[in-house]
Full PDB file with SEQRES, HELIX, SHEET, SSBOND, CRYST1, ORIGX, SCALE, CONECT and MASTER records, all heavy atoms in Angstrom:
SEQRES   1 A   42  CYS SER ASN HIS PHE GLN ASP ASN ALA ILE LEU TRP LEU          
SEQRES   2 A   42  TRP SER ALA HIS ASN GLU VAL ASN ARG ARG LEU ALA GLY          
SEQRES   3 A   42  ASP ALA THR GLU ASP PRO ALA HIS PRO LYS VAL GLN PHE          
SEQRES   4 A   42  PRO SER ALA                                                  
HELIX    1 AA1 SER A    2  LEU A   24  1                                  23    
CRYST1    1.000    1.000    1.000  90.00  90.00  90.00 P 1           1          
ORIGX1      1.000000  0.000000  0.000000        0.00000                         
ORIGX2      0.000000  1.000000  0.000000        0.00000                         
ORIGX3      0.000000  0.000000  1.000000        0.00000                         
SCALE1      1.000000  0.000000  0.000000        0.00000                         
SCALE2      0.000000  1.000000  0.000000        0.00000                         
SCALE3      0.000000  0.000000  1.000000        0.00000                         
ATOM      1  N   CYS A   1      48.053  58.480 155.340  1.00  0.00           N  
ATOM      2  CA  CYS A   1      47.791  59.769 154.683  1.00  0.00           C  
ATOM      3  C   CYS A   1      47.606  60.884 155.704  1.00  0.00           C  
ATOM      4  O   CYS A   1      48.070  62.005 155.509  1.00  0.00           O  
ATOM      5  CB  CYS A   1      46.547  59.664 153.808  1.00  0.00           C  
ATOM      6  SG  CYS A   1      46.631  58.390 152.550  1.00  0.00           S  
ATOM      7  N   SER A   2      46.913  60.569 156.800  1.00  0.00           N  
ATOM      8  CA  SER A   2      46.676  61.568 157.838  1.00  0.00           C  
ATOM      9  C   SER A   2      47.988  62.056 158.433  1.00  0.00           C  
ATOM     10  O   SER A   2      48.188  63.264 158.641  1.00  0.00           O  
ATOM     11  CB  SER A   2      45.789  60.974 158.940  1.00  0.00           C  
ATOM     12  OG  SER A   2      45.593  61.901 159.984  1.00  0.00           O  
ATOM     13  N   ASN A   3      48.899  61.114 158.697  1.00  0.00           N  
ATOM     14  CA  ASN A   3      50.199  61.501 159.256  1.00  0.00           C  
ATOM     15  C   ASN A   3      50.972  62.380 158.292  1.00  0.00           C  
ATOM     16  O   ASN A   3      51.603  63.367 158.690  1.00  0.00           O  
ATOM     17  CB  ASN A   3      51.012  60.250 159.597  1.00  0.00           C  
ATOM     18  CG  ASN A   3      50.415  59.495 160.773  1.00  0.00           C  
ATOM     19  OD1 ASN A   3      49.707  60.075 161.586  1.00  0.00           O  
ATOM     20  ND2 ASN A   3      50.690  58.213 160.863  1.00  0.00           N  
ATOM     21  N   HIS A   4      50.951  62.015 157.004  1.00  0.00           N  
ATOM     22  CA  HIS A   4      51.654  62.827 156.008  1.00  0.00           C  
ATOM     23  C   HIS A   4      51.025  64.212 155.869  1.00  0.00           C  
ATOM     24  O   HIS A   4      51.719  65.201 155.658  1.00  0.00           O  
ATOM     25  CB  HIS A   4      51.667  62.113 154.657  1.00  0.00           C  
ATOM     26  CG  HIS A   4      52.722  61.050 154.555  1.00  0.00           C  
ATOM     27  ND1 HIS A   4      54.044  61.346 154.333  1.00  0.00           N  
ATOM     28  CD2 HIS A   4      52.658  59.710 154.674  1.00  0.00           C  
ATOM     29  CE1 HIS A   4      54.751  60.236 154.303  1.00  0.00           C  
ATOM     30  NE2 HIS A   4      53.936  59.223 154.516  1.00  0.00           N  
ATOM     31  N   PHE A   5      49.702  64.271 155.979  1.00  0.00           N  
ATOM     32  CA  PHE A   5      49.022  65.561 155.916  1.00  0.00           C  
ATOM     33  C   PHE A   5      49.515  66.472 157.030  1.00  0.00           C  
ATOM     34  O   PHE A   5      49.816  67.646 156.807  1.00  0.00           O  
ATOM     35  CB  PHE A   5      47.517  65.348 156.037  1.00  0.00           C  
ATOM     36  CG  PHE A   5      46.742  66.637 156.203  1.00  0.00           C  
ATOM     37  CD1 PHE A   5      46.411  67.399 155.108  1.00  0.00           C  
ATOM     38  CD2 PHE A   5      46.369  67.077 157.464  1.00  0.00           C  
ATOM     39  CE1 PHE A   5      45.707  68.587 155.260  1.00  0.00           C  
ATOM     40  CE2 PHE A   5      45.668  68.259 157.626  1.00  0.00           C  
ATOM     41  CZ  PHE A   5      45.334  69.012 156.520  1.00  0.00           C  
ATOM     42  N   GLN A   6      49.615  65.922 158.237  1.00  0.00           N  
ATOM     43  CA  GLN A   6      50.043  66.739 159.367  1.00  0.00           C  
ATOM     44  C   GLN A   6      51.510  67.149 159.244  1.00  0.00           C  
ATOM     45  O   GLN A   6      51.886  68.255 159.614  1.00  0.00           O  
ATOM     46  CB  GLN A   6      49.795  65.965 160.664  1.00  0.00           C  
ATOM     47  CG  GLN A   6      48.307  65.761 160.924  1.00  0.00           C  
ATOM     48  CD  GLN A   6      48.035  64.954 162.165  1.00  0.00           C  
ATOM     49  OE1 GLN A   6      48.237  65.431 163.277  1.00  0.00           O  
ATOM     50  NE2 GLN A   6      47.569  63.730 161.990  1.00  0.00           N  
ATOM     51  N   ASP A   7      52.361  66.259 158.697  1.00  0.00           N  
ATOM     52  CA  ASP A   7      53.752  66.632 158.437  1.00  0.00           C  
ATOM     53  C   ASP A   7      53.824  67.757 157.420  1.00  0.00           C  
ATOM     54  O   ASP A   7      54.602  68.705 157.561  1.00  0.00           O  
ATOM     55  CB  ASP A   7      54.536  65.420 157.925  1.00  0.00           C  
ATOM     56  CG  ASP A   7      54.881  64.453 159.052  1.00  0.00           C  
ATOM     57  OD1 ASP A   7      54.774  64.853 160.228  1.00  0.00           O  
ATOM     58  OD2 ASP A   7      55.240  63.308 158.748  1.00  0.00           O  
ATOM     59  N   ASN A   8      52.993  67.661 156.380  1.00  0.00           N  
ATOM     60  CA  ASN A   8      52.994  68.690 155.353  1.00  0.00           C  
ATOM     61  C   ASN A   8      52.478  70.016 155.878  1.00  0.00           C  
ATOM     62  O   ASN A   8      52.849  71.080 155.385  1.00  0.00           O  
ATOM     63  CB  ASN A   8      52.170  68.237 154.142  1.00  0.00           C  
ATOM     64  CG  ASN A   8      52.966  67.361 153.202  1.00  0.00           C  
ATOM     65  OD1 ASN A   8      53.868  67.841 152.515  1.00  0.00           O  
ATOM     66  ND2 ASN A   8      52.668  66.079 153.187  1.00  0.00           N  
ATOM     67  N   ALA A   9      51.590  69.972 156.888  1.00  0.00           N  
ATOM     68  CA  ALA A   9      51.126  71.218 157.509  1.00  0.00           C  
ATOM     69  C   ALA A   9      52.297  71.941 158.174  1.00  0.00           C  
ATOM     70  O   ALA A   9      52.399  73.172 158.119  1.00  0.00           O  
ATOM     71  CB  ALA A   9      50.038  70.913 158.538  1.00  0.00           C  
ATOM     72  N   ILE A  10      53.199  71.179 158.803  1.00  0.00           N  
ATOM     73  CA  ILE A  10      54.403  71.765 159.410  1.00  0.00           C  
ATOM     74  C   ILE A  10      55.244  72.441 158.333  1.00  0.00           C  
ATOM     75  O   ILE A  10      55.706  73.579 158.492  1.00  0.00           O  
ATOM     76  CB  ILE A  10      55.225  70.679 160.136  1.00  0.00           C  
ATOM     77  CG1 ILE A  10      54.433  70.101 161.307  1.00  0.00           C  
ATOM     78  CG2 ILE A  10      56.560  71.244 160.621  1.00  0.00           C  
ATOM     79  CD1 ILE A  10      55.096  68.903 161.964  1.00  0.00           C  
ATOM     80  N   LEU A  11      55.451  71.729 157.225  1.00  0.00           N  
ATOM     81  CA  LEU A  11      56.292  72.264 156.148  1.00  0.00           C  
ATOM     82  C   LEU A  11      55.634  73.455 155.459  1.00  0.00           C  
ATOM     83  O   LEU A  11      56.318  74.380 155.016  1.00  0.00           O  
ATOM     84  CB  LEU A  11      56.586  71.160 155.124  1.00  0.00           C  
ATOM     85  CG  LEU A  11      57.539  70.059 155.609  1.00  0.00           C  
ATOM     86  CD1 LEU A  11      57.615  68.935 154.594  1.00  0.00           C  
ATOM     87  CD2 LEU A  11      58.927  70.628 155.870  1.00  0.00           C  
ATOM     88  N   TRP A  12      54.297  73.434 155.370  1.00  0.00           N  
ATOM     89  CA  TRP A  12      53.628  74.568 154.722  1.00  0.00           C  
ATOM     90  C   TRP A  12      53.838  75.848 155.532  1.00  0.00           C  
ATOM     91  O   TRP A  12      54.127  76.909 154.977  1.00  0.00           O  
ATOM     92  CB  TRP A  12      52.134  74.282 154.577  1.00  0.00           C  
ATOM     93  CG  TRP A  12      51.406  75.481 154.048  1.00  0.00           C  
ATOM     94  CD1 TRP A  12      51.338  75.907 152.765  1.00  0.00           C  
ATOM     95  CD2 TRP A  12      50.692  76.444 154.832  1.00  0.00           C  
ATOM     96  NE1 TRP A  12      50.612  77.069 152.687  1.00  0.00           N  
ATOM     97  CE2 TRP A  12      50.202  77.419 153.944  1.00  0.00           C  
ATOM     98  CE3 TRP A  12      50.404  76.560 156.185  1.00  0.00           C  
ATOM     99  CZ2 TRP A  12      49.440  78.508 154.375  1.00  0.00           C  
ATOM    100  CZ3 TRP A  12      49.657  77.640 156.614  1.00  0.00           C  
ATOM    101  CH2 TRP A  12      49.182  78.598 155.713  1.00  0.00           C  
ATOM    102  N   LEU A  13      53.698  75.781 156.856  1.00  0.00           N  
ATOM    103  CA  LEU A  13      53.889  76.965 157.690  1.00  0.00           C  
ATOM    104  C   LEU A  13      55.335  77.437 157.611  1.00  0.00           C  
ATOM    105  O   LEU A  13      55.602  78.649 157.563  1.00  0.00           O  
ATOM    106  CB  LEU A  13      53.509  76.655 159.138  1.00  0.00           C  
ATOM    107  CG  LEU A  13      53.544  77.849 160.101  1.00  0.00           C  
ATOM    108  CD1 LEU A  13      52.614  78.950 159.624  1.00  0.00           C  
ATOM    109  CD2 LEU A  13      53.182  77.407 161.512  1.00  0.00           C  
ATOM    110  N   TRP A  14      56.276  76.497 157.581  1.00  0.00           N  
ATOM    111  CA  TRP A  14      57.698  76.860 157.418  1.00  0.00           C  
ATOM    112  C   TRP A  14      57.907  77.611 156.101  1.00  0.00           C  
ATOM    113  O   TRP A  14      58.571  78.640 156.056  1.00  0.00           O  
ATOM    114  CB  TRP A  14      58.542  75.585 157.462  1.00  0.00           C  
ATOM    115  CG  TRP A  14      59.895  75.721 156.843  1.00  0.00           C  
ATOM    116  CD1 TRP A  14      60.992  76.335 157.359  1.00  0.00           C  
ATOM    117  CD2 TRP A  14      60.293  75.242 155.556  1.00  0.00           C  
ATOM    118  NE1 TRP A  14      62.050  76.261 156.498  1.00  0.00           N  
ATOM    119  CE2 TRP A  14      61.652  75.590 155.373  1.00  0.00           C  
ATOM    120  CE3 TRP A  14      59.638  74.537 154.543  1.00  0.00           C  
ATOM    121  CZ2 TRP A  14      62.350  75.266 154.212  1.00  0.00           C  
ATOM    122  CZ3 TRP A  14      60.337  74.216 153.391  1.00  0.00           C  
ATOM    123  CH2 TRP A  14      61.673  74.583 153.239  1.00  0.00           C  
ATOM    124  N   SER A  15      57.313  77.091 155.023  1.00  0.00           N  
ATOM    125  CA  SER A  15      57.468  77.725 153.714  1.00  0.00           C  
ATOM    126  C   SER A  15      56.832  79.119 153.708  1.00  0.00           C  
ATOM    127  O   SER A  15      57.408  80.080 153.164  1.00  0.00           O  
ATOM    128  CB  SER A  15      56.824  76.844 152.640  1.00  0.00           C  
ATOM    129  OG  SER A  15      56.936  77.424 151.373  1.00  0.00           O  
ATOM    130  N   ALA A  16      55.639  79.239 154.327  1.00  0.00           N  
ATOM    131  CA  ALA A  16      54.974  80.546 154.377  1.00  0.00           C  
ATOM    132  C   ALA A  16      55.785  81.549 155.200  1.00  0.00           C  
ATOM    133  O   ALA A  16      55.888  82.728 154.846  1.00  0.00           O  
ATOM    134  CB  ALA A  16      53.576  80.371 154.980  1.00  0.00           C  
ATOM    135  N   HIS A  17      56.395  81.076 156.286  1.00  0.00           N  
ATOM    136  CA  HIS A  17      57.220  81.943 157.127  1.00  0.00           C  
ATOM    137  C   HIS A  17      58.425  82.462 156.328  1.00  0.00           C  
ATOM    138  O   HIS A  17      58.781  83.650 156.395  1.00  0.00           O  
ATOM    139  CB  HIS A  17      57.679  81.164 158.356  1.00  0.00           C  
ATOM    140  CG  HIS A  17      58.322  82.023 159.405  1.00  0.00           C  
ATOM    141  ND1 HIS A  17      58.636  81.547 160.655  1.00  0.00           N  
ATOM    142  CD2 HIS A  17      58.718  83.329 159.404  1.00  0.00           C  
ATOM    143  CE1 HIS A  17      59.183  82.513 161.367  1.00  0.00           C  
ATOM    144  NE2 HIS A  17      59.251  83.616 160.622  1.00  0.00           N  
ATOM    145  N   ASN A  18      59.060  81.586 155.564  1.00  0.00           N  
ATOM    146  CA  ASN A  18      60.202  82.007 154.759  1.00  0.00           C  
ATOM    147  C   ASN A  18      59.793  82.991 153.662  1.00  0.00           C  
ATOM    148  O   ASN A  18      60.570  83.872 153.285  1.00  0.00           O  
ATOM    149  CB  ASN A  18      60.896  80.791 154.140  1.00  0.00           C  
ATOM    150  CG  ASN A  18      61.998  80.244 155.037  1.00  0.00           C  
ATOM    151  OD1 ASN A  18      62.475  80.934 155.935  1.00  0.00           O  
ATOM    152  ND2 ASN A  18      62.395  79.006 154.807  1.00  0.00           N  
ATOM    153  N   GLU A  19      58.578  82.822 153.162  1.00  0.00           N  
ATOM    154  CA  GLU A  19      58.087  83.766 152.152  1.00  0.00           C  
ATOM    155  C   GLU A  19      57.949  85.167 152.759  1.00  0.00           C  
ATOM    156  O   GLU A  19      58.298  86.181 152.142  1.00  0.00           O  
ATOM    157  CB  GLU A  19      56.739  83.274 151.613  1.00  0.00           C  
ATOM    158  CG  GLU A  19      56.121  84.180 150.558  1.00  0.00           C  
ATOM    159  CD  GLU A  19      56.962  84.279 149.308  1.00  0.00           C  
ATOM    160  OE1 GLU A  19      57.642  83.289 148.961  1.00  0.00           O  
ATOM    161  OE2 GLU A  19      56.954  85.373 148.675  1.00  0.00           O  
ATOM    162  N   VAL A  20      57.463  85.217 153.994  1.00  0.00           N  
ATOM    163  CA  VAL A  20      57.362  86.508 154.690  1.00  0.00           C  
ATOM    164  C   VAL A  20      58.762  87.085 154.929  1.00  0.00           C  
ATOM    165  O   VAL A  20      59.005  88.289 154.745  1.00  0.00           O  
ATOM    166  CB  VAL A  20      56.606  86.342 156.024  1.00  0.00           C  
ATOM    167  CG1 VAL A  20      56.659  87.636 156.828  1.00  0.00           C  
ATOM    168  CG2 VAL A  20      55.165  85.936 155.769  1.00  0.00           C  
ATOM    169  N   ASN A  21      59.719  86.250 155.354  1.00  0.00           N  
ATOM    170  CA  ASN A  21      61.088  86.720 155.573  1.00  0.00           C  
ATOM    171  C   ASN A  21      61.684  87.295 154.290  1.00  0.00           C  
ATOM    172  O   ASN A  21      62.395  88.308 154.312  1.00  0.00           O  
ATOM    173  CB  ASN A  21      61.967  85.563 156.064  1.00  0.00           C  
ATOM    174  CG  ASN A  21      61.762  85.261 157.537  1.00  0.00           C  
ATOM    175  OD1 ASN A  21      61.126  86.033 158.247  1.00  0.00           O  
ATOM    176  ND2 ASN A  21      62.276  84.128 157.982  1.00  0.00           N  
ATOM    177  N   ARG A  22      61.405  86.625 153.165  1.00  0.00           N  
ATOM    178  CA  ARG A  22      61.928  87.108 151.885  1.00  0.00           C  
ATOM    179  C   ARG A  22      61.335  88.475 151.544  1.00  0.00           C  
ATOM    180  O   ARG A  22      62.023  89.386 151.071  1.00  0.00           O  
ATOM    181  CB  ARG A  22      61.600  86.088 150.793  1.00  0.00           C  
ATOM    182  CG  ARG A  22      62.174  86.463 149.419  1.00  0.00           C  
ATOM    183  CD  ARG A  22      61.778  85.463 148.347  1.00  0.00           C  
ATOM    184  NE  ARG A  22      62.282  84.131 148.654  1.00  0.00           N  
ATOM    185  CZ  ARG A  22      61.540  83.101 149.000  1.00  0.00           C  
ATOM    186  NH1 ARG A  22      60.228  83.267 149.120  1.00  0.00           N  
ATOM    187  NH2 ARG A  22      62.065  81.927 149.260  1.00  0.00           N  
ATOM    188  N   ARG A  23      60.044  88.643 151.797  1.00  0.00           N  
ATOM    189  CA  ARG A  23      59.368  89.901 151.460  1.00  0.00           C  
ATOM    190  C   ARG A  23      59.834  91.054 152.339  1.00  0.00           C  
ATOM    191  O   ARG A  23      59.942  92.202 151.886  1.00  0.00           O  
ATOM    192  CB  ARG A  23      57.854  89.708 151.593  1.00  0.00           C  
ATOM    193  CG  ARG A  23      57.027  90.947 151.275  1.00  0.00           C  
ATOM    194  CD  ARG A  23      55.550  90.604 151.220  1.00  0.00           C  
ATOM    195  NE  ARG A  23      55.059  89.981 152.434  1.00  0.00           N  
ATOM    196  CZ  ARG A  23      54.680  90.663 153.512  1.00  0.00           C  
ATOM    197  NH1 ARG A  23      54.759  91.995 153.520  1.00  0.00           N  
ATOM    198  NH2 ARG A  23      54.227  90.031 154.584  1.00  0.00           N  
ATOM    199  N   LEU A  24      60.138  90.753 153.623  1.00  0.00           N  
ATOM    200  CA  LEU A  24      60.493  91.823 154.568  1.00  0.00           C  
ATOM    201  C   LEU A  24      62.001  92.058 154.680  1.00  0.00           C  
ATOM    202  O   LEU A  24      62.433  92.932 155.434  1.00  0.00           O  
ATOM    203  CB  LEU A  24      59.934  91.494 155.955  1.00  0.00           C  
ATOM    204  CG  LEU A  24      58.403  91.463 156.073  1.00  0.00           C  
ATOM    205  CD1 LEU A  24      57.989  91.133 157.497  1.00  0.00           C  
ATOM    206  CD2 LEU A  24      57.802  92.795 155.639  1.00  0.00           C  
ATOM    207  N   ALA A  25      62.803  91.250 153.955  1.00  0.00           N  
ATOM    208  CA  ALA A  25      64.258  91.452 153.999  1.00  0.00           C  
ATOM    209  C   ALA A  25      64.594  92.859 153.507  1.00  0.00           C  
ATOM    210  O   ALA A  25      64.191  93.268 152.409  1.00  0.00           O  
ATOM    211  CB  ALA A  25      64.956  90.403 153.147  1.00  0.00           C  
ATOM    212  N   GLY A  26      65.322  93.640 154.327  1.00  0.00           N  
ATOM    213  CA  GLY A  26      65.677  95.005 153.969  1.00  0.00           C  
ATOM    214  C   GLY A  26      64.597  96.026 154.255  1.00  0.00           C  
ATOM    215  O   GLY A  26      64.785  97.227 154.016  1.00  0.00           O  
ATOM    216  N   ASP A  27      63.450  95.598 154.755  1.00  0.00           N  
ATOM    217  CA  ASP A  27      62.347  96.504 155.066  1.00  0.00           C  
ATOM    218  C   ASP A  27      62.703  97.342 156.297  1.00  0.00           C  
ATOM    219  O   ASP A  27      63.565  96.973 157.105  1.00  0.00           O  
ATOM    220  CB  ASP A  27      61.082  95.686 155.323  1.00  0.00           C  
ATOM    221  CG  ASP A  27      59.847  96.562 155.456  1.00  0.00           C  
ATOM    222  OD1 ASP A  27      59.317  96.974 154.411  1.00  0.00           O  
ATOM    223  OD2 ASP A  27      59.418  96.807 156.599  1.00  0.00           O  
ATOM    224  N   ALA A  28      62.018  98.464 156.450  1.00  0.00           N  
ATOM    225  CA  ALA A  28      62.280  99.348 157.584  1.00  0.00           C  
ATOM    226  C   ALA A  28      61.967  98.674 158.904  1.00  0.00           C  
ATOM    227  O   ALA A  28      62.472  99.078 159.956  1.00  0.00           O  
ATOM    228  CB  ALA A  28      61.442 100.634 157.439  1.00  0.00           C  
ATOM    229  N   THR A  29      61.118  97.632 158.862  1.00  0.00           N  
ATOM    230  CA  THR A  29      60.764  96.941 160.102  1.00  0.00           C  
ATOM    231  C   THR A  29      61.796  95.889 160.503  1.00  0.00           C  
ATOM    232  O   THR A  29      61.677  95.275 161.572  1.00  0.00           O  
ATOM    233  CB  THR A  29      59.403  96.238 159.936  1.00  0.00           C  
ATOM    234  OG1 THR A  29      59.502  95.288 158.853  1.00  0.00           O  
ATOM    235  CG2 THR A  29      58.307  97.240 159.630  1.00  0.00           C  
ATOM    236  N   GLU A  30      62.826  95.687 159.693  1.00  0.00           N  
ATOM    237  CA  GLU A  30      63.817  94.652 159.971  1.00  0.00           C  
ATOM    238  C   GLU A  30      64.795  95.114 161.041  1.00  0.00           C  
ATOM    239  O   GLU A  30      65.304  96.241 161.008  1.00  0.00           O  
ATOM    240  CB  GLU A  30      64.572  94.301 158.698  1.00  0.00           C  
ATOM    241  CG  GLU A  30      65.587  93.180 158.861  1.00  0.00           C  
ATOM    242  CD  GLU A  30      66.318  92.875 157.567  1.00  0.00           C  
ATOM    243  OE1 GLU A  30      66.754  93.845 156.895  1.00  0.00           O  
ATOM    244  OE2 GLU A  30      66.446  91.694 157.214  1.00  0.00           O  
ATOM    245  N   ASP A  31      65.051  94.248 162.013  1.00  0.00           N  
ATOM    246  CA  ASP A  31      66.025  94.525 163.056  1.00  0.00           C  
ATOM    247  C   ASP A  31      67.417  94.240 162.476  1.00  0.00           C  
ATOM    248  O   ASP A  31      67.704  93.102 162.092  1.00  0.00           O  
ATOM    249  CB  ASP A  31      65.759  93.619 164.257  1.00  0.00           C  
ATOM    250  CG  ASP A  31      66.698  93.895 165.429  1.00  0.00           C  
ATOM    251  OD1 ASP A  31      67.731  94.569 165.226  1.00  0.00           O  
ATOM    252  OD2 ASP A  31      66.397  93.407 166.537  1.00  0.00           O  
ATOM    253  N   PRO A  32      68.302  95.245 162.419  1.00  0.00           N  
ATOM    254  CA  PRO A  32      69.630  95.046 161.826  1.00  0.00           C  
ATOM    255  C   PRO A  32      70.407  93.921 162.502  1.00  0.00           C  
ATOM    256  O   PRO A  32      71.221  93.248 161.859  1.00  0.00           O  
ATOM    257  CB  PRO A  32      70.317  96.398 162.031  1.00  0.00           C  
ATOM    258  CG  PRO A  32      69.193  97.378 162.166  1.00  0.00           C  
ATOM    259  CD  PRO A  32      68.090  96.636 162.848  1.00  0.00           C  
ATOM    260  N   ALA A  33      70.165  93.728 163.797  1.00  0.00           N  
ATOM    261  CA  ALA A  33      70.883  92.670 164.507  1.00  0.00           C  
ATOM    262  C   ALA A  33      70.333  91.283 164.186  1.00  0.00           C  
ATOM    263  O   ALA A  33      70.974  90.269 164.470  1.00  0.00           O  
ATOM    264  CB  ALA A  33      70.808  92.917 166.007  1.00  0.00           C  
ATOM    265  N   HIS A  34      69.149  91.261 163.613  1.00  0.00           N  
ATOM    266  CA  HIS A  34      68.510  89.973 163.286  1.00  0.00           C  
ATOM    267  C   HIS A  34      67.883  90.069 161.894  1.00  0.00           C  
ATOM    268  O   HIS A  34      66.667  90.194 161.752  1.00  0.00           O  
ATOM    269  CB  HIS A  34      67.450  89.619 164.331  1.00  0.00           C  
ATOM    270  CG  HIS A  34      67.997  89.517 165.722  1.00  0.00           C  
ATOM    271  ND1 HIS A  34      68.666  88.406 166.184  1.00  0.00           N  
ATOM    272  CD2 HIS A  34      67.981  90.420 166.739  1.00  0.00           C  
ATOM    273  CE1 HIS A  34      69.040  88.608 167.435  1.00  0.00           C  
ATOM    274  NE2 HIS A  34      68.640  89.830 167.806  1.00  0.00           N  
ATOM    275  N   PRO A  35      68.696  90.032 160.872  1.00  0.00           N  
ATOM    276  CA  PRO A  35      68.181  90.182 159.510  1.00  0.00           C  
ATOM    277  C   PRO A  35      67.238  89.047 159.135  1.00  0.00           C  
ATOM    278  O   PRO A  35      67.328  87.937 159.663  1.00  0.00           O  
ATOM    279  CB  PRO A  35      69.448  90.164 158.650  1.00  0.00           C  
ATOM    280  CG  PRO A  35      70.467  89.461 159.476  1.00  0.00           C  
ATOM    281  CD  PRO A  35      70.159  89.812 160.900  1.00  0.00           C  
ATOM    282  N   LYS A  36      66.334  89.352 158.191  1.00  0.00           N  
ATOM    283  CA  LYS A  36      65.358  88.370 157.729  1.00  0.00           C  
ATOM    284  C   LYS A  36      66.034  87.417 156.733  1.00  0.00           C  
ATOM    285  O   LYS A  36      66.183  87.732 155.555  1.00  0.00           O  
ATOM    286  CB  LYS A  36      64.172  89.065 157.055  1.00  0.00           C  
ATOM    287  CG  LYS A  36      63.400  90.006 157.956  1.00  0.00           C  
ATOM    288  CD  LYS A  36      62.609  89.239 158.999  1.00  0.00           C  
ATOM    289  CE  LYS A  36      61.722  90.177 159.818  1.00  0.00           C  
ATOM    290  NZ  LYS A  36      60.985  89.453 160.869  1.00  0.00           N  
ATOM    291  N   VAL A  37      66.455  86.263 157.211  1.00  0.00           N  
ATOM    292  CA  VAL A  37      67.122  85.280 156.350  1.00  0.00           C  
ATOM    293  C   VAL A  37      66.220  84.064 156.210  1.00  0.00           C  
ATOM    294  O   VAL A  37      65.233  83.898 156.935  1.00  0.00           O  
ATOM    295  CB  VAL A  37      68.481  84.852 156.944  1.00  0.00           C  
ATOM    296  CG1 VAL A  37      69.412  86.051 157.052  1.00  0.00           C  
ATOM    297  CG2 VAL A  37      68.300  84.188 158.310  1.00  0.00           C  
ATOM    298  N   GLN A  38      66.583  83.221 155.282  1.00  0.00           N  
ATOM    299  CA  GLN A  38      65.823  81.989 155.085  1.00  0.00           C  
ATOM    300  C   GLN A  38      66.179  80.980 156.182  1.00  0.00           C  
ATOM    301  O   GLN A  38      67.348  80.715 156.441  1.00  0.00           O  
ATOM    302  CB  GLN A  38      66.108  81.404 153.707  1.00  0.00           C  
ATOM    303  CG  GLN A  38      65.604  82.288 152.573  1.00  0.00           C  
ATOM    304  CD  GLN A  38      64.079  82.438 152.618  1.00  0.00           C  
ATOM    305  OE1 GLN A  38      63.364  81.533 152.244  1.00  0.00           O  
ATOM    306  NE2 GLN A  38      63.606  83.585 153.062  1.00  0.00           N  
ATOM    307  N   PHE A  39      65.152  80.460 156.806  1.00  0.00           N  
ATOM    308  CA  PHE A  39      65.301  79.600 157.983  1.00  0.00           C  
ATOM    309  C   PHE A  39      65.016  78.146 157.600  1.00  0.00           C  
ATOM    310  O   PHE A  39      64.083  77.877 156.842  1.00  0.00           O  
ATOM    311  CB  PHE A  39      64.317  80.057 159.057  1.00  0.00           C  
ATOM    312  CG  PHE A  39      64.288  79.193 160.285  1.00  0.00           C  
ATOM    313  CD1 PHE A  39      65.262  79.328 161.266  1.00  0.00           C  
ATOM    314  CD2 PHE A  39      63.298  78.222 160.460  1.00  0.00           C  
ATOM    315  CE1 PHE A  39      65.241  78.530 162.398  1.00  0.00           C  
ATOM    316  CE2 PHE A  39      63.282  77.421 161.590  1.00  0.00           C  
ATOM    317  CZ  PHE A  39      64.243  77.573 162.554  1.00  0.00           C  
ATOM    318  N   PRO A  40      65.797  77.210 158.126  1.00  0.00           N  
ATOM    319  CA  PRO A  40      66.979  77.396 158.968  1.00  0.00           C  
ATOM    320  C   PRO A  40      68.198  77.776 158.136  1.00  0.00           C  
ATOM    321  O   PRO A  40      68.301  77.418 156.968  1.00  0.00           O  
ATOM    322  CB  PRO A  40      67.151  76.014 159.619  1.00  0.00           C  
ATOM    323  CG  PRO A  40      66.600  75.060 158.613  1.00  0.00           C  
ATOM    324  CD  PRO A  40      65.454  75.768 157.970  1.00  0.00           C  
ATOM    325  N   SER A  41      69.107  78.511 158.752  1.00  0.00           N  
ATOM    326  CA  SER A  41      70.316  78.931 158.046  1.00  0.00           C  
ATOM    327  C   SER A  41      71.216  77.730 157.813  1.00  0.00           C  
ATOM    328  O   SER A  41      71.048  76.666 158.407  1.00  0.00           O  
ATOM    329  CB  SER A  41      71.059  79.980 158.858  1.00  0.00           C  
ATOM    330  OG  SER A  41      71.570  79.405 160.053  1.00  0.00           O  
ATOM    331  N   ALA A  42      72.204  77.919 156.938  1.00  0.00           N  
ATOM    332  CA  ALA A  42      73.153  76.842 156.648  1.00  0.00           C  
ATOM    333  C   ALA A  42      73.925  76.446 157.890  1.00  0.00           C  
ATOM    334  O   ALA A  42      74.284  75.279 158.069  1.00  0.00           O  
ATOM    335  CB  ALA A  42      74.109  77.279 155.536  1.00  0.00           C  
TER     336      ALA A  42                                                      
MASTER        0    0    0    1    0    0    0    6  335    1    0    4          
END                                                                             
């Protein structure tokens, strides 16, 4: 269970990061050369 908890912590941060990318996509703070896409890309 402990190992799975730590794996899920990795996935939770990944999911939270993508949520931020989704919110900031098209925002004035977005670098046009590096658009906010869902990570990892296809």
